[in-house]
Amino acid sequence: MIEILFAESEAGSMKFARSMQKRGSADQVVELSFDLDVGDISGELCGEARKAQCLKKYSAARWRDCDTIEQQKEKWNSLLEQVERFKAYAAKGEAMRIWYSTAPYSMCGFYQVCLMLTEYDCPVSVVKMPEYVVRSDQNIVIYQSWGEVVHTDMLDFAKDEKPLGKMEVGYYADLWKELVKENAPLRAVVNGRLISVPADFYDFMVEGGIRERPFRAVELVSYAFRYQMGVSDDLFLESVQRLIDDGRLVVVDDEDIEWDGERLLRRAETMVSCCGLDCLECEAYGKTCQGCDKTKGKPFWLKGTGDKTCRVYRCCVERKSFSHCGKCMLHKYIQQGTPEADFMAACNRYELSGPKMSKEEKAKRLAKQLMRLKKLLHQ
């Protein structure tokens, strides 16, 4: 029995599971992780277009300070070898068992494998990931892909194996042919169906995670994962890059990072610091100051004060690990019943921080800060 899977992690789990069983070995696992839910699918499976798409995740543009060239070569050569092994097994008439889920990459792989199997005469069966699993402790577990299943549990799902006749193989092969004709930038699963979608299909999921305060790109990716679409973080990072290219997001800092997810970003129209000030309203921003988030609490006006770090930043971010003062304000309001405005007026860190200004100017500034912090609390 040849096991066919569509991602490196799930194939690895299956190899481990097979090596622990007497009924087969790890050599009978084929990994066809061609990421067919993304990019041009009009060419050959092992063509240059597909190669470029598959190796994006190993590119130096995505991973900084890493030598990825050897990784790319090894990965592509491994995939070519997997395809040849698949064809050799199929030509011998070996029984094929396909493990797939409703994740777009997996369904695409399943359809495409069915197209390849139309050229061979061998038994075919499938194991589709169930919607949920009821464990012995009466807890329900929901998996997005086979890669999330512990290797010791993988073969337990073989009880759900179903044979796939030639007519059914042909049906899924035809569905793949239609998708190839459409050749959209992406393929996604919507209402249980695999369909062609535009390149910006997932962008709204990423946009929902945008906040007033500067944030890391990975925070947007984490937010988008809430939708449980079964796609990789690479796809969401492409959405982030598109928002940057469109001018909706601005890169605040991308120095000394290892991958794109670590980039510090902000909304194009605002850059609110932990104290509630919008750095973009300051004449010094971009000239003598880059804002508290990039300087880590060392704004331009700090010189001559005797402080190494802004007192508000030191209290909020460094000491209390809050992302902004609104969280401290809410915390004290809940515990002590102190009104927000009174809290801010009583916080001497606000009084002692910031450039010199009149009482009237400081009062106006505090009002703006309070308004923004309240807004942050409702995000």
Protein backbone atom coordinates (compact mmCIF):
# COMPACT_ATOMS: atom_id res chain seq x y z
CA MET A 1 0.00 0.00 0.00
CA ILE A 2 1.45 3.34 -1.11
CA GLU A 3 0.51 6.33 1.05
CA ILE A 4 0.18 9.66 -0.79
CA LEU A 5 0.19 12.97 1.10
CA PHE A 6 0.49 16.60 0.07
CA ALA A 7 2.67 18.37 2.65
CA GLU A 8 6.12 17.78 4.09
CA SER A 9 4.95 17.68 7.72
CA GLU A 10 2.14 15.18 7.15
CA ALA A 11 4.32 12.95 4.99
CA GLY A 12 6.90 13.00 7.78
CA SER A 13 4.27 11.93 10.31
CA MET A 14 3.13 9.11 8.05
CA LYS A 15 6.70 7.87 7.55
CA PHE A 16 7.15 7.74 11.30
CA ALA A 17 3.83 5.95 11.73
CA ARG A 18 4.64 3.41 9.01
CA SER A 19 8.08 2.72 10.44
CA MET A 20 6.41 1.76 13.73
CA GLN A 21 4.04 -0.70 12.06
CA LYS A 22 4.70 -4.16 10.65
CA ARG A 23 2.34 -3.64 7.73
CA GLY A 24 4.59 -1.28 5.81
CA SER A 25 7.67 0.88 5.76
CA ALA A 26 8.50 4.55 5.39
CA ASP A 27 9.65 3.86 1.82
CA GLN A 28 6.02 3.44 0.82
CA VAL A 29 5.15 7.07 1.58
CA VAL A 30 5.06 9.56 -1.31
CA GLU A 31 5.10 13.31 -0.63
CA LEU A 32 3.65 15.47 -3.44
CA SER A 33 3.85 18.90 -1.77
CA PHE A 34 3.57 21.09 -4.86
CA ASP A 35 1.39 23.83 -3.27
CA LEU A 36 -1.07 23.66 -6.16
CA ASP A 37 -3.53 26.02 -4.49
CA VAL A 38 -1.22 28.92 -5.35
CA GLY A 39 0.06 30.28 -8.65
CA ASP A 40 0.09 29.21 -12.29
CA ILE A 41 -1.05 25.61 -12.85
CA SER A 42 -1.25 25.69 -16.64
CA GLY A 43 2.21 24.17 -17.12
CA GLU A 44 3.75 20.82 -16.27
CA LEU A 45 3.75 19.66 -12.66
CA CYS A 46 7.55 19.58 -12.68
CA GLY A 47 7.92 22.66 -14.89
CA GLU A 48 9.78 25.89 -14.18
CA ALA A 49 6.67 27.86 -13.16
CA ARG A 50 5.72 25.32 -10.52
CA LYS A 51 9.33 25.07 -9.36
CA ALA A 52 9.47 28.84 -8.79
CA GLN A 53 6.22 28.75 -6.82
CA CYS A 54 7.21 25.77 -4.66
CA LEU A 55 10.55 27.27 -3.71
CA LYS A 56 9.22 30.71 -2.72
CA LYS A 57 8.99 29.59 0.89
CA TYR A 58 12.74 28.89 0.87
CA SER A 59 13.73 32.15 -0.84
CA ALA A 60 16.28 34.60 0.55
CA ALA A 61 13.68 37.36 0.08
CA ARG A 62 11.49 35.64 2.67
CA TRP A 63 14.25 34.45 5.03
CA ARG A 64 17.00 37.00 5.78
CA ASP A 65 20.60 36.13 6.63
CA CYS A 66 20.13 32.53 5.48
CA ASP A 67 21.75 30.57 2.68
CA THR A 68 18.64 29.15 1.04
CA ILE A 69 20.10 28.11 -2.33
CA GLU A 70 21.09 24.63 -1.17
CA GLN A 71 17.74 24.19 0.57
CA GLN A 72 15.96 25.06 -2.67
CA LYS A 73 18.00 22.58 -4.70
CA GLU A 74 17.50 19.78 -2.19
CA LYS A 75 13.76 20.37 -1.93
CA TRP A 76 13.13 20.47 -5.66
CA ASN A 77 15.25 17.41 -6.35
CA SER A 78 13.35 15.60 -3.61
CA LEU A 79 10.00 16.51 -5.19
CA LEU A 80 11.15 15.30 -8.61
CA GLU A 81 12.23 12.03 -7.02
CA GLN A 82 8.82 11.69 -5.32
CA VAL A 83 7.02 12.07 -8.66
CA GLU A 84 9.20 9.38 -10.26
CA ARG A 85 8.55 7.04 -7.34
CA PHE A 86 4.81 7.65 -7.65
CA LYS A 87 4.87 6.83 -11.37
CA ALA A 88 6.95 3.70 -10.80
CA TYR A 89 4.58 2.42 -8.11
CA ALA A 90 1.53 3.19 -10.25
CA ALA A 91 3.04 1.43 -13.28
CA LYS A 92 3.50 -1.69 -11.16
CA GLY A 93 -0.18 -1.60 -10.20
CA GLU A 94 0.53 -0.91 -6.52
CA ALA A 95 -2.49 0.03 -4.39
CA MET A 96 -2.62 3.80 -3.81
CA ARG A 97 -4.11 5.32 -0.65
CA ILE A 98 -4.60 9.09 -0.81
CA TRP A 99 -4.78 11.09 2.42
CA TYR A 100 -6.44 14.48 1.94
CA SER A 101 -8.31 17.18 3.84
CA THR A 102 -10.39 20.22 2.93
CA ALA A 103 -7.29 22.45 3.07
CA PRO A 104 -6.93 24.00 -0.43
CA TYR A 105 -3.42 22.63 -1.06
CA SER A 106 -4.60 19.14 -0.12
CA MET A 107 -7.74 19.15 -2.27
CA CYS A 108 -5.73 20.50 -5.20
CA GLY A 109 -3.18 17.72 -4.72
CA PHE A 110 -5.95 15.12 -4.55
CA TYR A 111 -7.57 16.32 -7.79
CA GLN A 112 -4.23 16.51 -9.60
CA VAL A 113 -3.18 13.02 -8.46
CA CYS A 114 -6.48 11.67 -9.79
CA LEU A 115 -5.58 13.17 -13.16
CA MET A 116 -2.23 11.36 -13.11
CA LEU A 117 -3.90 8.10 -12.03
CA THR A 118 -6.14 8.07 -15.12
CA GLU A 119 -3.05 6.83 -17.01
CA TYR A 120 -2.58 3.80 -14.78
CA ASP A 121 -4.50 0.70 -13.75
CA CYS A 122 -4.11 0.35 -9.99
CA PRO A 123 -6.44 0.18 -6.96
CA VAL A 124 -7.15 3.61 -5.45
CA SER A 125 -8.60 4.49 -2.06
CA VAL A 126 -8.91 7.68 -0.04
CA VAL A 127 -8.85 8.70 3.60
CA LYS A 128 -10.50 12.10 4.02
CA MET A 129 -9.87 14.00 7.22
CA PRO A 130 -13.08 13.97 9.29
CA GLU A 131 -14.76 17.22 10.29
CA TYR A 132 -13.98 16.46 13.92
CA VAL A 133 -12.82 13.61 16.17
CA VAL A 134 -14.39 12.61 19.50
CA ARG A 135 -11.62 11.45 21.81
CA SER A 136 -11.90 8.85 24.55
CA ASP A 137 -11.93 11.63 27.16
CA GLN A 138 -15.09 13.01 25.48
CA ASN A 139 -13.31 16.05 24.09
CA ILE A 140 -13.77 17.05 20.46
CA VAL A 141 -10.68 17.75 18.36
CA ILE A 142 -10.80 19.64 15.05
CA TYR A 143 -7.88 19.26 12.64
CA GLN A 144 -7.15 21.50 9.66
CA SER A 145 -4.72 19.11 7.98
CA TRP A 146 -3.03 15.74 8.44
CA GLY A 147 0.10 17.57 9.55
CA GLU A 148 -1.64 18.41 12.83
CA VAL A 149 -2.25 14.76 13.72
CA VAL A 150 0.24 13.13 16.09
CA HIS A 151 2.21 10.47 14.18
CA THR A 152 1.15 7.76 16.64
CA ASP A 153 -2.49 8.42 15.70
CA MET A 154 -2.11 8.67 11.92
CA LEU A 155 -2.90 5.08 10.98
CA ASP A 156 -5.91 5.00 13.32
CA PHE A 157 -7.72 7.02 10.65
CA ALA A 158 -7.22 4.22 8.12
CA LYS A 159 -10.53 2.80 9.38
CA ASP A 160 -12.21 5.60 7.37
CA GLU A 161 -10.59 4.41 4.12
CA LYS A 162 -12.95 4.27 1.13
CA PRO A 163 -12.28 2.77 -2.31
CA LEU A 164 -12.29 5.12 -5.28
CA GLY A 165 -13.51 3.63 -8.55
CA LYS A 166 -12.26 4.58 -12.02
CA MET A 167 -15.35 6.69 -12.66
CA GLU A 168 -14.75 8.68 -9.47
CA VAL A 169 -11.06 9.10 -10.27
CA GLY A 170 -12.08 10.44 -13.68
CA TYR A 171 -14.60 12.81 -12.07
CA TYR A 172 -11.99 14.44 -9.84
CA ALA A 173 -9.53 14.53 -12.74
CA ASP A 174 -12.10 16.49 -14.77
CA LEU A 175 -12.57 18.94 -11.91
CA TRP A 176 -8.82 19.55 -11.95
CA LYS A 177 -8.86 20.11 -15.71
CA GLU A 178 -11.48 22.83 -15.25
CA LEU A 179 -9.36 24.56 -12.62
CA VAL A 180 -6.34 24.37 -14.92
CA LYS A 181 -8.38 26.01 -17.71
CA GLU A 182 -9.35 28.86 -15.38
CA ASN A 183 -5.75 29.10 -14.08
CA ALA A 184 -6.61 31.68 -11.43
CA PRO A 185 -3.95 33.11 -9.09
CA LEU A 186 -5.38 31.06 -6.20
CA ARG A 187 -7.70 28.18 -5.44
CA ALA A 188 -9.74 28.13 -2.23
CA VAL A 189 -12.34 25.92 -0.57
CA VAL A 190 -15.66 27.78 -0.26
CA ASN A 191 -18.73 25.97 1.08
CA GLY A 192 -16.88 22.68 0.66
CA ARG A 193 -16.06 23.27 -3.01
CA LEU A 194 -12.64 23.92 -4.50
CA ILE A 195 -12.93 27.02 -6.70
CA SER A 196 -10.73 29.56 -8.47
CA VAL A 197 -10.33 32.88 -6.63
CA PRO A 198 -8.41 36.16 -7.20
CA ALA A 199 -5.01 36.92 -5.69
CA ASP A 200 -6.48 39.24 -3.04
CA PHE A 201 -9.05 36.69 -1.82
CA TYR A 202 -7.50 36.42 1.67
CA ASP A 203 -6.60 40.12 2.07
CA PHE A 204 -9.70 41.05 4.08
CA MET A 205 -8.78 38.40 6.67
CA VAL A 206 -5.40 40.06 7.17
CA GLU A 207 -6.86 43.59 7.17
CA GLY A 208 -9.08 42.69 10.11
CA GLY A 209 -5.98 42.45 12.30
CA ILE A 210 -4.71 45.97 11.58
CA ARG A 211 -4.53 48.14 14.71
CA GLU A 212 -3.84 51.78 15.52
CA ARG A 213 -0.58 50.89 17.26
CA PRO A 214 2.42 49.62 15.27
CA PHE A 215 2.48 45.83 15.07
CA ARG A 216 4.49 42.94 13.68
CA ALA A 217 3.43 41.36 10.38
CA VAL A 218 3.11 38.01 12.14
CA GLU A 219 0.30 39.48 14.27
CA LEU A 220 -1.77 39.95 11.10
CA VAL A 221 -0.98 36.38 10.07
CA SER A 222 -2.11 35.10 13.47
CA TYR A 223 -5.34 37.08 13.17
CA ALA A 224 -6.03 35.64 9.70
CA PHE A 225 -5.52 32.09 11.00
CA ARG A 226 -8.73 32.54 13.00
CA TYR A 227 -10.65 31.91 9.79
CA GLN A 228 -9.22 28.37 9.62
CA MET A 229 -8.88 28.38 5.84
CA GLY A 230 -6.17 25.72 5.81
CA VAL A 231 -3.61 27.90 4.03
CA SER A 232 0.02 28.62 4.94
CA ASP A 233 1.41 31.72 6.61
CA ASP A 234 3.27 32.44 3.35
CA LEU A 235 -0.03 33.20 1.65
CA PHE A 236 -1.07 35.61 4.39
CA LEU A 237 2.36 37.28 4.27
CA GLU A 238 1.77 37.88 0.56
CA SER A 239 -1.48 39.63 1.52
CA VAL A 240 0.49 41.76 3.98
CA GLN A 241 2.97 42.68 1.24
CA ARG A 242 0.10 43.60 -1.07
CA LEU A 243 -1.29 45.97 1.57
CA ILE A 244 2.18 47.54 1.84
CA ASP A 245 2.45 47.89 -1.94
CA ASP A 246 -1.04 49.45 -2.07
CA GLY A 247 -0.01 52.05 0.50
CA ARG A 248 -2.40 50.89 3.22
CA LEU A 249 0.45 49.74 5.47
CA VAL A 250 3.88 51.27 6.06
CA VAL A 251 7.05 49.44 7.15
CA VAL A 252 8.38 51.09 10.30
CA ASP A 253 11.34 48.79 10.84
CA ASP A 254 12.71 45.78 8.95
CA GLU A 255 16.32 45.81 10.15
CA ASP A 256 17.94 42.85 11.91
CA ILE A 257 15.08 40.45 11.18
CA GLU A 258 15.23 36.83 10.04
CA TRP A 259 11.95 36.65 8.13
CA ASP A 260 9.21 38.93 6.80
CA GLY A 261 6.84 38.15 9.66
CA GLU A 262 9.08 40.13 12.04
CA ARG A 263 8.69 43.42 10.16
CA LEU A 264 7.25 46.26 12.26
CA LEU A 265 4.31 47.86 10.44
CA ARG A 266 1.78 50.61 10.99
CA ARG A 267 -1.37 51.94 9.38
CA ALA A 268 -0.57 54.41 6.63
CA GLU A 269 -2.54 57.23 8.23
CA THR A 270 -1.54 56.84 11.90
CA MET A 271 1.35 55.81 14.12
CA VAL A 272 0.08 55.80 17.70
CA SER A 273 2.62 55.29 20.50
CA CYS A 274 1.91 53.47 23.77
CA CYS A 275 0.98 56.79 25.45
CA GLY A 276 -1.69 57.59 22.85
CA LEU A 277 0.27 60.20 20.89
CA ASP A 278 0.26 59.97 17.09
CA CYS A 279 3.89 60.28 16.01
CA LEU A 280 2.88 61.35 12.50
CA GLU A 281 1.50 64.61 13.93
CA CYS A 282 4.93 65.49 15.31
CA GLU A 283 7.21 67.70 13.19
CA ALA A 284 10.25 65.77 14.44
CA TYR A 285 9.04 62.41 13.10
CA GLY A 286 11.20 61.19 10.24
CA LYS A 287 13.80 63.89 10.91
CA THR A 288 15.22 63.75 14.43
CA CYS A 289 12.92 60.99 15.75
CA GLN A 290 11.59 57.68 14.43
CA GLY A 291 8.91 57.21 17.07
CA CYS A 292 8.83 55.29 20.34
CA ASP A 293 8.24 51.86 18.82
CA LYS A 294 11.36 51.92 16.69
CA THR A 295 13.54 53.75 19.24
CA LYS A 296 12.12 51.67 22.12
CA GLY A 297 11.02 54.63 24.21
CA LYS A 298 13.79 57.07 23.30
CA PRO A 299 12.06 60.02 21.55
CA PHE A 300 13.85 63.17 20.42
CA TRP A 301 12.86 65.30 23.46
CA LEU A 302 14.56 62.87 25.91
CA LYS A 303 17.92 64.63 25.56
CA GLY A 304 18.62 66.86 28.52
CA THR A 305 15.97 65.28 30.78
CA GLY A 306 18.37 62.89 32.50
CA ASP A 307 16.14 59.93 31.60
CA LYS A 308 17.43 57.09 29.43
CA THR A 309 13.91 56.04 28.43
CA CYS A 310 10.55 57.82 28.35
CA ARG A 311 8.91 57.26 31.75
CA VAL A 312 5.58 56.32 30.18
CA TYR A 313 7.21 53.77 27.86
CA ARG A 314 9.32 52.34 30.69
CA CYS A 315 6.27 51.91 32.92
CA CYS A 316 3.82 50.65 30.29
CA VAL A 317 5.92 48.49 27.96
CA GLU A 318 9.07 47.53 29.86
CA ARG A 319 7.70 47.14 33.40
CA LYS A 320 4.04 46.14 32.91
CA SER A 321 4.35 44.54 29.44
CA PHE A 322 1.24 46.38 28.18
CA SER A 323 1.02 47.31 24.51
CA HIS A 324 -0.47 50.72 25.41
CA CYS A 325 -1.51 52.72 28.49
CA GLY A 326 -5.19 52.11 27.84
CA LYS A 327 -4.77 48.61 29.24
CA CYS A 328 -3.36 50.03 32.48
CA MET A 329 -6.16 52.59 32.53
CA LEU A 330 -8.76 49.84 32.12
CA HIS A 331 -7.05 47.67 34.74
CA LYS A 332 -7.13 50.43 37.37
CA TYR A 333 -10.66 51.48 36.43
CA ILE A 334 -11.95 47.95 36.96
CA GLN A 335 -10.04 47.42 40.21
CA GLN A 336 -10.49 50.86 41.79
CA GLY A 337 -13.40 52.44 39.95
CA THR A 338 -11.18 55.41 39.06
CA PRO A 339 -12.57 57.44 36.11
CA GLU A 340 -10.28 57.41 33.07
CA ALA A 341 -9.71 61.17 32.91
CA ASP A 342 -8.85 61.35 36.61
CA PHE A 343 -6.45 58.44 36.18
CA MET A 344 -4.55 60.13 33.37
CA ALA A 345 -4.39 63.43 35.21
CA ALA A 346 -3.11 61.66 38.32
CA CYS A 347 -0.43 59.67 36.45
CA ASN A 348 2.72 61.70 37.06
CA ARG A 349 4.49 59.90 34.22
CA TYR A 350 2.31 61.83 31.78
CA GLU A 351 2.99 65.06 33.65
CA LEU A 352 6.76 64.50 33.66
CA SER A 353 7.09 63.13 30.12
CA GLY A 354 7.13 64.95 26.82
CA PRO A 355 8.58 68.18 25.47
CA LYS A 356 8.06 71.44 27.35
CA MET A 357 4.66 73.08 26.73
CA SER A 358 2.06 75.24 28.43
CA LYS A 359 -0.68 73.85 30.68
CA GLU A 360 -3.26 74.50 27.96
CA GLU A 361 -1.20 72.65 25.36
CA LYS A 362 -0.64 69.76 27.75
CA ALA A 363 -4.38 69.56 28.50
CA LYS A 364 -5.19 69.39 24.78
CA ARG A 365 -2.55 66.72 24.30
CA LEU A 366 -3.95 64.65 27.19
CA ALA A 367 -7.44 64.86 25.69
CA LYS A 368 -6.16 63.50 22.36
CA GLN A 369 -4.22 60.75 24.11
CA LEU A 370 -7.27 59.68 26.11
CA MET A 371 -9.41 59.59 22.97
CA ARG A 372 -6.91 57.37 21.12
CA LEU A 373 -6.37 55.06 24.10
CA LYS A 374 -10.13 54.54 24.42
CA LYS A 375 -10.21 53.68 20.72
CA LEU A 376 -7.39 51.16 21.20
CA LEU A 377 -9.33 49.49 24.01
CA HIS A 378 -12.27 48.80 21.67
CA GLN A 379 -10.16 47.09 18.98
